[in-house]
Amino acid sequence: MTQMTADEPTGEGASESAALKRWWSVMDLRIGIVPVPVAIVVLGVAAVYVRLGEAPSDILMNIAVLATGGFLCGEIGKRMPVLRHLGLGAILATFVPSYLKYAHLLPQPIVKSITDFTDSSNFLYLFIASIIVGSILGMDRRVLIAGFVKIFIPLIVGSAVAFAVGCGVGTALGLGFTHTLFKIVVPIMAGGVGEGAIPLSVGYAQFSHQPQGDLFAEVLPAVMLGSLTAIVFAGLLNFVGKRYPNLTGEGQLQPGEQDVHLGGDAAVKFAPTPQAVGAAVVMVVTLYLLGALAQKLWNWPGPVVMLGLAVLMKLGRIASPRLEQGAYANYQFFSACVTYPLLFAIGVAKTPWEKLMGAFNLPTVTTIVATVAALMGTGFVVARFVGMYPIEAAIVNATHSGQGGTGDVAILTAGNRMQLMPFAQIATRIGGAITVTLALIAYAKFGR
């Protein structure tokens, strides 16, 4: 017979303790990071606001709604047999809300709340800034600059091969060389919607004297379907990396050692305090504001300026190890807790379902898939010749065919390589700007 100590609950107290533990186990059931009971409450609160006809567009409402919706889609995708290896979590988190909005299955008050919040809060750029600065400050300083120089080689070669393959396939399928080049292949690698499709359509309109809106509608489907294709391929490469570890650095672009160790036993030495994380957040926002100011004053790409400043801080050892650890902890938080809510917001506010469906005809889909495959496949092959990991180089090349910053987030999420965001920004911003410039020059002479 076991002797009961004085501290052990008896009778009614033991029953209450068991009930409390059962409730705690229920509270520990989570959809991503959201406890299941909390998610149920969020849905109830949202339903009441829908009944009232208007939902708040502030950060409080959207933290709850976007976290619940984003992680629900992400967790479903992560648990689908086979398809989860293709980045289905990121795909569902982005395109399910887009379809729900299109089909009017997502209530209008919630759509308006999410759209207003996404458009006014700079939610996307806070995320990108945190990922860029945190990942750079957590990167190997001794090989950082070599990585930025090397990444242009697979990017340039991959772009050239993608142009050749895409135009060849489209022309062979009867789409015509000019249409394939300017309406499909160029938009895929133009840097997204705001930095790519819009300036392309404006330039095309000026030279051809056609309505800009019609031209925008022509190029947008290629941007979106190209990004979707890159997401799927990035998820597939992540699966390949699990099977063949020699092909990947698990987010590290090239072999090398860290001179400031942010993980393992050494992390205890520089464990960030709340004050260090707070200081890093202010630093991240300040670097973003400097980039935005440079864009306003001199028309320099703001994210690229921010990236350059972060690189200078890392190379010059301007940030202390504790501040670097704080920035890295901020990066980890955004990567783990904000990615799927952000993708859900992007799906509602910035991904028109009808435009995506507009590209679904066999010749166009085949051309888009061939273009993205050539871009990524070339990066994979060329990486070996410049001392980079093939899978990481291919995924960076994939972001060159993404939907701008939103595509970068989805592609890197599907590939489980969010550390590559600094290199993705080079591919998207610089690669996209070069593509748009050269395309408009060519269109002025040959496209009309």
Protein backbone atom coordinates (compact mmCIF):
# COMPACT_ATOMS: atom_id res chain seq x y z
CA MET A 1 0.00 0.00 0.00
CA THR A 2 1.45 3.33 -1.05
CA GLN A 3 1.76 5.88 1.68
CA MET A 4 0.26 9.26 0.81
CA THR A 5 2.30 12.31 1.71
CA ALA A 6 0.84 15.46 3.16
CA ASP A 7 1.38 17.34 -0.12
CA GLU A 8 -0.65 14.93 -2.25
CA PRO A 9 -4.25 15.99 -2.95
CA THR A 10 -6.97 13.71 -1.59
CA GLY A 11 -10.61 13.21 -2.40
CA GLU A 12 -12.20 16.25 -4.00
CA GLY A 13 -8.81 17.98 -4.28
CA ALA A 14 -7.38 15.10 -6.32
CA SER A 15 -10.40 15.21 -8.66
CA GLU A 16 -10.01 18.96 -9.17
CA SER A 17 -6.28 18.54 -9.89
CA ALA A 18 -6.96 15.83 -12.48
CA ALA A 19 -9.63 17.98 -14.15
CA LEU A 20 -7.27 20.96 -14.23
CA LYS A 21 -4.54 18.86 -15.86
CA ARG A 22 -7.02 17.64 -18.47
CA TRP A 23 -7.99 21.23 -19.22
CA TRP A 24 -4.35 22.23 -19.48
CA SER A 25 -3.80 19.40 -21.96
CA VAL A 26 -6.66 20.84 -24.02
CA MET A 27 -5.11 24.32 -23.86
CA ASP A 28 -1.80 22.84 -25.04
CA LEU A 29 -3.44 21.52 -28.23
CA ARG A 30 -2.39 24.01 -30.87
CA ILE A 31 -3.00 24.92 -34.48
CA GLY A 32 0.51 26.11 -35.22
CA ILE A 33 1.05 28.49 -32.33
CA VAL A 34 -2.66 29.11 -31.60
CA PRO A 35 -4.26 27.09 -28.77
CA VAL A 36 -7.38 25.32 -30.04
CA PRO A 37 -9.74 26.88 -27.43
CA VAL A 38 -8.37 30.32 -28.32
CA ALA A 39 -8.95 29.64 -32.03
CA ILE A 40 -12.58 28.75 -31.29
CA VAL A 41 -13.01 32.00 -29.38
CA VAL A 42 -11.42 33.95 -32.25
CA LEU A 43 -13.89 32.41 -34.71
CA GLY A 44 -16.75 33.32 -32.37
CA VAL A 45 -15.57 36.91 -32.00
CA ALA A 46 -15.12 37.22 -35.79
CA ALA A 47 -18.63 35.86 -36.34
CA VAL A 48 -20.09 38.50 -34.04
CA TYR A 49 -18.27 41.29 -35.90
CA VAL A 50 -19.51 39.86 -39.21
CA ARG A 51 -23.06 39.94 -37.83
CA LEU A 52 -22.53 43.58 -36.85
CA GLY A 53 -21.40 44.31 -40.42
CA GLU A 54 -17.97 45.76 -39.64
CA ALA A 55 -14.73 44.43 -38.12
CA PRO A 56 -11.83 46.49 -36.75
CA SER A 57 -8.88 46.89 -39.12
CA ASP A 58 -6.34 47.33 -36.34
CA ILE A 59 -3.41 45.15 -35.34
CA LEU A 60 -5.28 43.51 -32.45
CA MET A 61 -8.06 42.08 -34.56
CA ASN A 62 -5.70 40.97 -37.28
CA ILE A 63 -3.20 39.26 -34.99
CA ALA A 64 -6.01 36.96 -33.88
CA VAL A 65 -7.69 36.42 -37.27
CA LEU A 66 -4.52 36.08 -39.38
CA ALA A 67 -2.81 33.76 -36.88
CA THR A 68 -5.85 31.48 -36.72
CA GLY A 69 -6.46 31.44 -40.48
CA GLY A 70 -2.81 31.27 -41.52
CA PHE A 71 -1.77 28.48 -39.17
CA LEU A 72 -4.94 26.49 -39.88
CA CYS A 73 -4.12 26.47 -43.61
CA GLY A 74 -0.44 25.84 -42.93
CA GLU A 75 -1.05 22.91 -40.58
CA ILE A 76 -3.47 21.26 -43.03
CA GLY A 77 -0.85 21.55 -45.78
CA LYS A 78 1.90 20.16 -43.57
CA ARG A 79 -0.14 17.04 -42.84
CA MET A 80 -1.15 16.12 -46.38
CA PRO A 81 0.62 12.93 -47.52
CA VAL A 82 3.17 13.43 -50.31
CA LEU A 83 1.96 16.95 -51.14
CA ARG A 84 3.39 18.35 -47.93
CA HIS A 85 6.83 17.85 -49.47
CA LEU A 86 5.92 20.33 -52.22
CA GLY A 87 5.44 23.25 -49.83
CA LEU A 88 1.67 22.72 -49.59
CA GLY A 89 1.50 24.60 -46.29
CA ALA A 90 2.70 27.83 -47.89
CA ILE A 91 0.52 27.24 -50.97
CA LEU A 92 -2.66 26.73 -48.93
CA ALA A 93 -1.92 29.65 -46.61
CA THR A 94 -1.63 31.94 -49.65
CA PHE A 95 -4.15 30.63 -52.17
CA VAL A 96 -6.98 29.27 -50.00
CA PRO A 97 -7.83 32.73 -48.63
CA SER A 98 -7.53 34.12 -52.16
CA TYR A 99 -10.12 31.61 -53.37
CA LEU A 100 -12.36 32.15 -50.32
CA LYS A 101 -12.40 35.86 -51.08
CA TYR A 102 -13.10 35.24 -54.78
CA ALA A 103 -15.96 32.82 -53.98
CA HIS A 104 -17.39 35.20 -51.35
CA LEU A 105 -16.92 32.50 -48.71
CA LEU A 106 -14.82 34.83 -46.57
CA PRO A 107 -17.18 37.45 -45.09
CA GLN A 108 -16.73 40.94 -46.48
CA PRO A 109 -16.13 42.62 -43.09
CA ILE A 110 -13.20 40.26 -42.48
CA VAL A 111 -11.87 40.79 -46.02
CA LYS A 112 -12.01 44.57 -45.54
CA SER A 113 -10.35 44.35 -42.12
CA ILE A 114 -7.46 42.25 -43.43
CA THR A 115 -7.02 44.27 -46.62
CA ASP A 116 -7.04 47.64 -44.85
CA PHE A 117 -4.59 46.39 -42.23
CA THR A 118 -2.23 44.84 -44.79
CA ASP A 119 -2.25 47.94 -47.01
CA SER A 120 -1.77 50.46 -44.22
CA SER A 121 0.48 48.73 -41.69
CA ASN A 122 3.59 47.84 -43.79
CA PHE A 123 3.20 44.39 -42.25
CA LEU A 124 5.08 42.77 -45.14
CA TYR A 125 8.09 45.08 -44.93
CA LEU A 126 8.39 44.74 -41.15
CA PHE A 127 8.60 40.99 -41.72
CA ILE A 128 11.15 41.28 -44.54
CA ALA A 129 13.25 43.77 -42.57
CA SER A 130 13.33 41.48 -39.53
CA ILE A 131 14.26 38.47 -41.65
CA ILE A 132 16.95 40.29 -43.66
CA VAL A 133 18.72 42.01 -40.76
CA GLY A 134 18.44 39.05 -38.40
CA SER A 135 19.69 36.53 -40.93
CA ILE A 136 22.59 38.74 -42.04
CA LEU A 137 23.74 39.42 -38.48
CA GLY A 138 23.53 35.68 -37.82
CA MET A 139 25.54 34.85 -40.94
CA ASP A 140 29.20 33.98 -41.32
CA ARG A 141 31.02 37.32 -41.60
CA ARG A 142 34.06 35.82 -43.30
CA VAL A 143 32.12 34.35 -46.21
CA LEU A 144 29.24 36.82 -46.32
CA ILE A 145 30.69 39.10 -48.98
CA ALA A 146 31.79 36.14 -51.11
CA GLY A 147 28.23 34.85 -51.06
CA PHE A 148 26.83 38.14 -52.32
CA VAL A 149 29.34 38.22 -55.17
CA LYS A 150 28.92 34.55 -56.08
CA ILE A 151 25.12 34.58 -56.15
CA PHE A 152 25.12 36.72 -59.29
CA ILE A 153 26.76 33.92 -61.30
CA PRO A 154 23.96 31.30 -61.05
CA LEU A 155 21.43 34.14 -61.21
CA ILE A 156 22.75 35.61 -64.48
CA VAL A 157 23.38 32.25 -66.15
CA GLY A 158 20.02 30.93 -64.96
CA SER A 159 18.19 33.99 -66.29
CA ALA A 160 19.80 33.64 -69.72
CA VAL A 161 18.92 29.93 -69.93
CA ALA A 162 15.38 30.60 -68.68
CA PHE A 163 14.82 33.25 -71.35
CA ALA A 164 16.04 30.88 -74.07
CA VAL A 165 14.05 27.87 -72.83
CA GLY A 166 10.87 29.83 -72.08
CA CYS A 167 10.80 31.61 -75.42
CA GLY A 168 11.62 28.40 -77.26
CA VAL A 169 8.84 26.43 -75.57
CA GLY A 170 6.25 29.19 -75.96
CA THR A 171 7.08 29.70 -79.61
CA ALA A 172 6.96 25.95 -80.30
CA LEU A 173 3.51 25.77 -78.67
CA GLY A 174 2.15 28.49 -80.93
CA LEU A 175 2.13 31.46 -78.55
CA GLY A 176 4.49 33.47 -80.75
CA PHE A 177 7.97 34.65 -79.85
CA THR A 178 7.04 38.27 -79.08
CA HIS A 179 4.04 37.36 -76.92
CA THR A 180 6.00 34.69 -75.07
CA LEU A 181 8.94 36.97 -74.39
CA PHE A 182 7.13 40.14 -73.29
CA LYS A 183 3.89 38.77 -71.81
CA ILE A 184 5.10 35.56 -70.14
CA VAL A 185 8.87 35.14 -69.69
CA VAL A 186 9.78 38.74 -68.83
CA PRO A 187 6.94 39.19 -66.27
CA ILE A 188 7.97 35.99 -64.49
CA MET A 189 11.44 37.43 -63.76
CA ALA A 190 10.47 41.11 -63.44
CA GLY A 191 10.38 41.22 -59.63
CA GLY A 192 6.71 40.80 -58.77
CA VAL A 193 3.67 43.04 -59.12
CA GLY A 194 4.61 46.46 -57.77
CA GLU A 195 8.21 46.38 -58.99
CA GLY A 196 7.61 44.27 -62.10
CA ALA A 197 4.15 43.89 -63.62
CA ILE A 198 3.06 47.48 -63.05
CA PRO A 199 6.13 49.26 -64.51
CA LEU A 200 6.17 46.75 -67.37
CA SER A 201 2.53 47.43 -68.23
CA VAL A 202 3.06 51.20 -67.98
CA GLY A 203 6.08 50.99 -70.30
CA TYR A 204 4.29 48.69 -72.73
CA ALA A 205 1.34 51.10 -72.81
CA GLN A 206 3.54 54.09 -73.57
CA PHE A 207 5.23 52.38 -76.50
CA SER A 208 2.21 50.55 -77.93
CA HIS A 209 -0.53 53.12 -77.11
CA GLN A 210 -2.72 50.36 -75.66
CA PRO A 211 -4.64 50.74 -72.36
CA GLN A 212 -2.33 50.09 -69.41
CA GLY A 213 -5.05 48.21 -67.53
CA ASP A 214 -5.47 45.69 -70.34
CA LEU A 215 -1.72 45.11 -70.56
CA PHE A 216 -1.47 44.71 -66.78
CA ALA A 217 -4.19 42.04 -66.92
CA GLU A 218 -2.17 40.24 -69.61
CA VAL A 219 1.12 40.07 -67.68
CA LEU A 220 -0.20 39.52 -64.14
CA PRO A 221 -1.19 35.83 -64.55
CA ALA A 222 2.36 34.91 -65.59
CA VAL A 223 3.72 36.63 -62.46
CA MET A 224 1.37 34.75 -60.17
CA LEU A 225 1.60 31.33 -61.81
CA GLY A 226 5.37 31.65 -62.04
CA SER A 227 5.48 32.33 -58.31
CA LEU A 228 3.22 29.33 -57.61
CA THR A 229 5.47 27.11 -59.73
CA ALA A 230 8.55 28.33 -57.85
CA ILE A 231 6.82 27.59 -54.53
CA VAL A 232 6.12 24.00 -55.58
CA PHE A 233 9.66 23.45 -56.88
CA ALA A 234 11.18 24.95 -53.72
CA GLY A 235 9.14 22.53 -51.60
CA LEU A 236 10.32 19.67 -53.78
CA LEU A 237 13.96 20.75 -53.40
CA ASN A 238 13.54 20.82 -49.62
CA PHE A 239 12.37 17.19 -49.82
CA VAL A 240 15.34 16.30 -52.05
CA GLY A 241 17.67 17.93 -49.53
CA LYS A 242 16.36 15.61 -46.80
CA ARG A 243 17.14 12.61 -48.98
CA TYR A 244 20.53 13.85 -50.22
CA PRO A 245 22.15 15.99 -47.50
CA ASN A 246 25.31 16.51 -49.54
CA LEU A 247 23.35 18.81 -51.88
CA THR A 248 22.31 21.32 -49.23
CA GLY A 249 23.64 23.54 -46.48
CA GLU A 250 20.19 23.58 -44.81
CA GLY A 251 19.86 27.31 -45.44
CA GLN A 252 23.57 28.11 -45.60
CA LEU A 253 24.45 29.26 -49.11
CA GLN A 254 28.04 28.01 -49.11
CA PRO A 255 30.37 26.07 -46.80
CA GLY A 256 31.92 28.09 -44.01
CA GLU A 257 32.12 28.60 -40.26
CA GLN A 258 30.40 31.15 -38.08
CA ASP A 259 32.67 33.55 -36.27
CA VAL A 260 29.89 34.59 -33.88
CA HIS A 261 28.06 31.44 -32.85
CA LEU A 262 24.37 32.11 -32.39
CA GLY A 263 23.38 28.54 -31.66
CA GLY A 264 24.51 25.57 -29.58
CA ASP A 265 26.32 25.91 -26.25
CA ALA A 266 27.70 29.33 -27.17
CA ALA A 267 24.16 30.70 -27.42
CA VAL A 268 23.95 30.63 -23.62
CA LYS A 269 26.79 33.15 -23.41
CA PHE A 270 24.91 35.61 -25.62
CA ALA A 271 21.35 34.65 -24.63
CA PRO A 272 19.33 37.76 -25.51
CA THR A 273 17.54 39.65 -22.80
CA PRO A 274 14.17 41.26 -23.58
CA GLN A 275 16.04 44.57 -23.71
CA ALA A 276 18.47 43.20 -26.32
CA VAL A 277 15.61 41.95 -28.49
CA GLY A 278 13.83 45.29 -28.10
CA ALA A 279 16.99 47.17 -29.07
CA ALA A 280 17.37 44.92 -32.13
CA VAL A 281 13.78 45.60 -33.21
CA VAL A 282 14.39 49.35 -33.05
CA MET A 283 17.61 48.87 -35.04
CA VAL A 284 15.77 46.81 -37.68
CA VAL A 285 13.06 49.44 -38.06
CA THR A 286 15.67 52.20 -38.28
CA LEU A 287 17.52 50.40 -41.08
CA TYR A 288 14.21 49.99 -42.91
CA LEU A 289 13.45 53.71 -42.52
CA LEU A 290 16.89 54.63 -43.88
CA GLY A 291 16.20 52.44 -46.90
CA ALA A 292 12.76 53.99 -47.39
CA LEU A 293 14.28 57.48 -47.13
CA ALA A 294 16.93 56.63 -49.73
CA GLN A 295 14.18 55.44 -52.05
CA LYS A 296 12.21 58.65 -51.56
CA LEU A 297 15.20 61.00 -52.00
CA TRP A 298 17.22 59.23 -54.70
CA ASN A 299 14.90 56.49 -55.99
CA TRP A 300 17.26 53.77 -54.74
CA PRO A 301 15.51 50.45 -53.95
CA GLY A 302 14.73 50.70 -50.25
CA PRO A 303 15.07 46.98 -49.36
CA VAL A 304 18.43 46.80 -51.16
CA VAL A 305 19.71 49.87 -49.27
CA MET A 306 18.58 48.27 -46.00
CA LEU A 307 20.31 45.04 -46.97
CA GLY A 308 23.55 46.89 -47.78
CA LEU A 309 23.50 48.71 -44.45
CA ALA A 310 23.01 45.43 -42.58
CA VAL A 311 25.94 43.89 -44.47
CA LEU A 312 28.14 46.87 -43.56
CA MET A 313 27.15 46.48 -39.91
CA LYS A 314 28.09 42.81 -39.99
CA LEU A 315 31.39 43.26 -41.80
CA GLY A 316 32.39 46.22 -39.64
CA ARG A 317 31.34 44.47 -36.43
CA ILE A 318 29.27 47.52 -35.54
CA ALA A 319 26.64 45.51 -33.71
CA SER A 320 27.74 43.82 -30.48
CA PRO A 321 27.33 40.04 -30.11
CA ARG A 322 24.38 40.62 -27.78
CA LEU A 323 22.69 42.90 -30.30
CA GLU A 324 23.35 40.36 -33.05
CA GLN A 325 21.78 37.68 -30.89
CA GLY A 326 18.80 39.96 -30.26
CA ALA A 327 18.38 40.52 -34.00
CA TYR A 328 18.68 36.79 -34.62
CA ALA A 329 16.06 36.04 -31.94
CA ASN A 330 13.77 38.57 -33.63
CA TYR A 331 14.37 36.78 -36.94
CA GLN A 332 13.49 33.44 -35.34
CA PHE A 333 10.27 34.87 -33.90
CA PHE A 334 9.10 36.32 -37.21
CA SER A 335 10.08 33.17 -39.10
CA ALA A 336 8.26 30.82 -36.71
CA CYS A 337 5.26 32.92 -35.67
CA VAL A 338 4.52 35.48 -38.39
CA THR A 339 5.12 33.68 -41.71
CA TYR A 340 1.78 31.90 -42.07
CA PRO A 341 -0.33 34.83 -40.82
CA LEU A 342 1.49 37.02 -43.34
CA LEU A 343 0.84 34.55 -46.17
CA PHE A 344 -2.86 34.52 -45.24
CA ALA A 345 -2.92 38.33 -45.38
CA ILE A 346 -1.16 38.27 -48.76
CA GLY A 347 -3.73 35.80 -50.06
CA VAL A 348 -6.62 38.03 -49.10
CA ALA A 349 -5.17 41.44 -49.94
CA LYS A 350 -2.72 40.89 -52.80
CA THR A 351 -3.51 37.65 -54.66
CA PRO A 352 -6.47 37.95 -57.06
CA TRP A 353 -7.70 34.43 -57.72
CA GLU A 354 -9.26 35.29 -61.07
CA LYS A 355 -5.92 36.51 -62.44
CA LEU A 356 -4.22 33.28 -61.40
CA MET A 357 -6.90 31.22 -63.11
CA GLY A 358 -6.55 33.35 -66.25
CA ALA A 359 -3.19 31.71 -66.99
CA PHE A 360 -4.49 28.14 -66.85
CA ASN A 361 -4.27 27.04 -70.45
CA LEU A 362 -1.86 24.31 -71.48
CA PRO A 363 0.58 26.31 -73.67
CA THR A 364 0.93 29.11 -71.13
CA VAL A 365 1.26 26.79 -68.12
CA THR A 366 3.84 24.67 -69.95
CA THR A 367 5.86 27.76 -70.89
CA ILE A 368 5.80 29.11 -67.35
CA VAL A 369 6.82 25.78 -65.79
CA ALA A 370 9.62 25.35 -68.34
CA THR A 371 10.92 28.88 -67.65
CA VAL A 372 10.99 28.45 -63.88
CA ALA A 373 12.45 24.93 -64.14
CA ALA A 374 15.24 26.21 -66.40
CA LEU A 375 16.00 29.10 -64.05
CA MET A 376 16.20 26.87 -60.98
CA GLY A 377 17.86 23.92 -62.70
CA THR A 378 20.63 26.12 -64.05
CA GLY A 379 21.25 27.56 -60.60
CA PHE A 380 21.43 24.02 -59.23
CA VAL A 381 24.05 22.98 -61.78
CA VAL A 382 26.14 26.17 -61.78
CA ALA A 383 26.36 26.21 -57.98
CA ARG A 384 28.88 23.37 -57.97
CA PHE A 385 31.28 25.41 -60.09
CA VAL A 386 31.29 28.41 -57.75
CA GLY A 387 31.47 26.56 -54.43
CA MET A 388 27.82 26.93 -53.39
CA TYR A 389 25.23 24.40 -52.27
CA PRO A 390 23.05 23.43 -55.28
CA ILE A 391 19.71 23.42 -53.48
CA GLU A 392 20.26 26.82 -51.86
CA ALA A 393 21.41 28.37 -55.16
CA ALA A 394 18.38 26.91 -56.96
CA ILE A 395 15.98 28.28 -54.33
CA VAL A 396 17.54 31.75 -54.54
CA ASN A 397 17.11 31.58 -58.31
CA ALA A 398 13.49 30.57 -57.70
CA THR A 399 12.83 33.87 -55.95
CA HIS A 400 13.78 35.63 -59.19
CA SER A 401 10.56 34.15 -60.57
CA GLY A 402 8.49 35.01 -57.51
CA GLN A 403 5.75 37.51 -56.80
CA GLY A 404 8.10 40.15 -55.37
CA GLY A 405 8.52 40.27 -51.60
CA THR A 406 5.36 38.25 -51.08
CA GLY A 407 6.70 35.54 -53.39
CA ASP A 408 10.03 35.52 -51.58
CA VAL A 409 8.26 34.77 -48.31
CA ALA A 410 6.16 31.97 -49.81
CA ILE A 411 9.03 30.38 -51.75
CA LEU A 412 11.46 30.42 -48.84
CA THR A 413 8.76 29.11 -46.51
CA ALA A 414 7.99 26.22 -48.86
CA GLY A 415 11.71 25.49 -49.18
CA ASN A 416 12.27 25.90 -45.41
CA ARG A 417 15.13 28.31 -46.21
CA MET A 418 14.05 31.64 -44.72
CA GLN A 419 17.75 32.38 -43.95
CA LEU A 420 18.21 33.04 -47.67
CA MET A 421 16.03 36.16 -47.62
CA PRO A 422 19.00 38.58 -48.12
CA PHE A 423 20.02 36.74 -51.28
CA ALA A 424 16.39 36.45 -52.37
CA GLN A 425 16.08 40.23 -52.17
CA ILE A 426 19.06 40.59 -54.51
CA ALA A 427 17.44 38.19 -56.99
CA THR A 428 14.07 39.88 -56.72
CA ARG A 429 14.99 43.57 -56.52
CA ILE A 430 18.19 43.87 -58.51
CA GLY A 431 17.44 40.99 -60.88
CA GLY A 432 13.91 42.27 -61.41
CA ALA A 433 15.02 45.86 -62.03
CA ILE A 434 17.57 44.75 -64.63
CA THR A 435 14.95 42.53 -66.31
CA VAL A 436 12.39 45.35 -66.51
CA THR A 437 14.94 47.84 -67.86
CA LEU A 438 16.24 45.54 -70.59
CA ALA A 439 12.73 44.38 -71.49
CA LEU A 440 11.42 47.92 -72.00
CA ILE A 441 14.42 48.81 -74.15
CA ALA A 442 13.78 45.72 -76.29
CA TYR A 443 10.00 46.34 -76.38
CA ALA A 444 10.51 49.89 -77.64
CA LYS A 445 12.38 48.50 -80.67
CA PHE A 446 10.77 45.12 -81.35
CA GLY A 447 7.64 44.65 -79.25
CA ARG A 448 5.08 46.89 -80.94
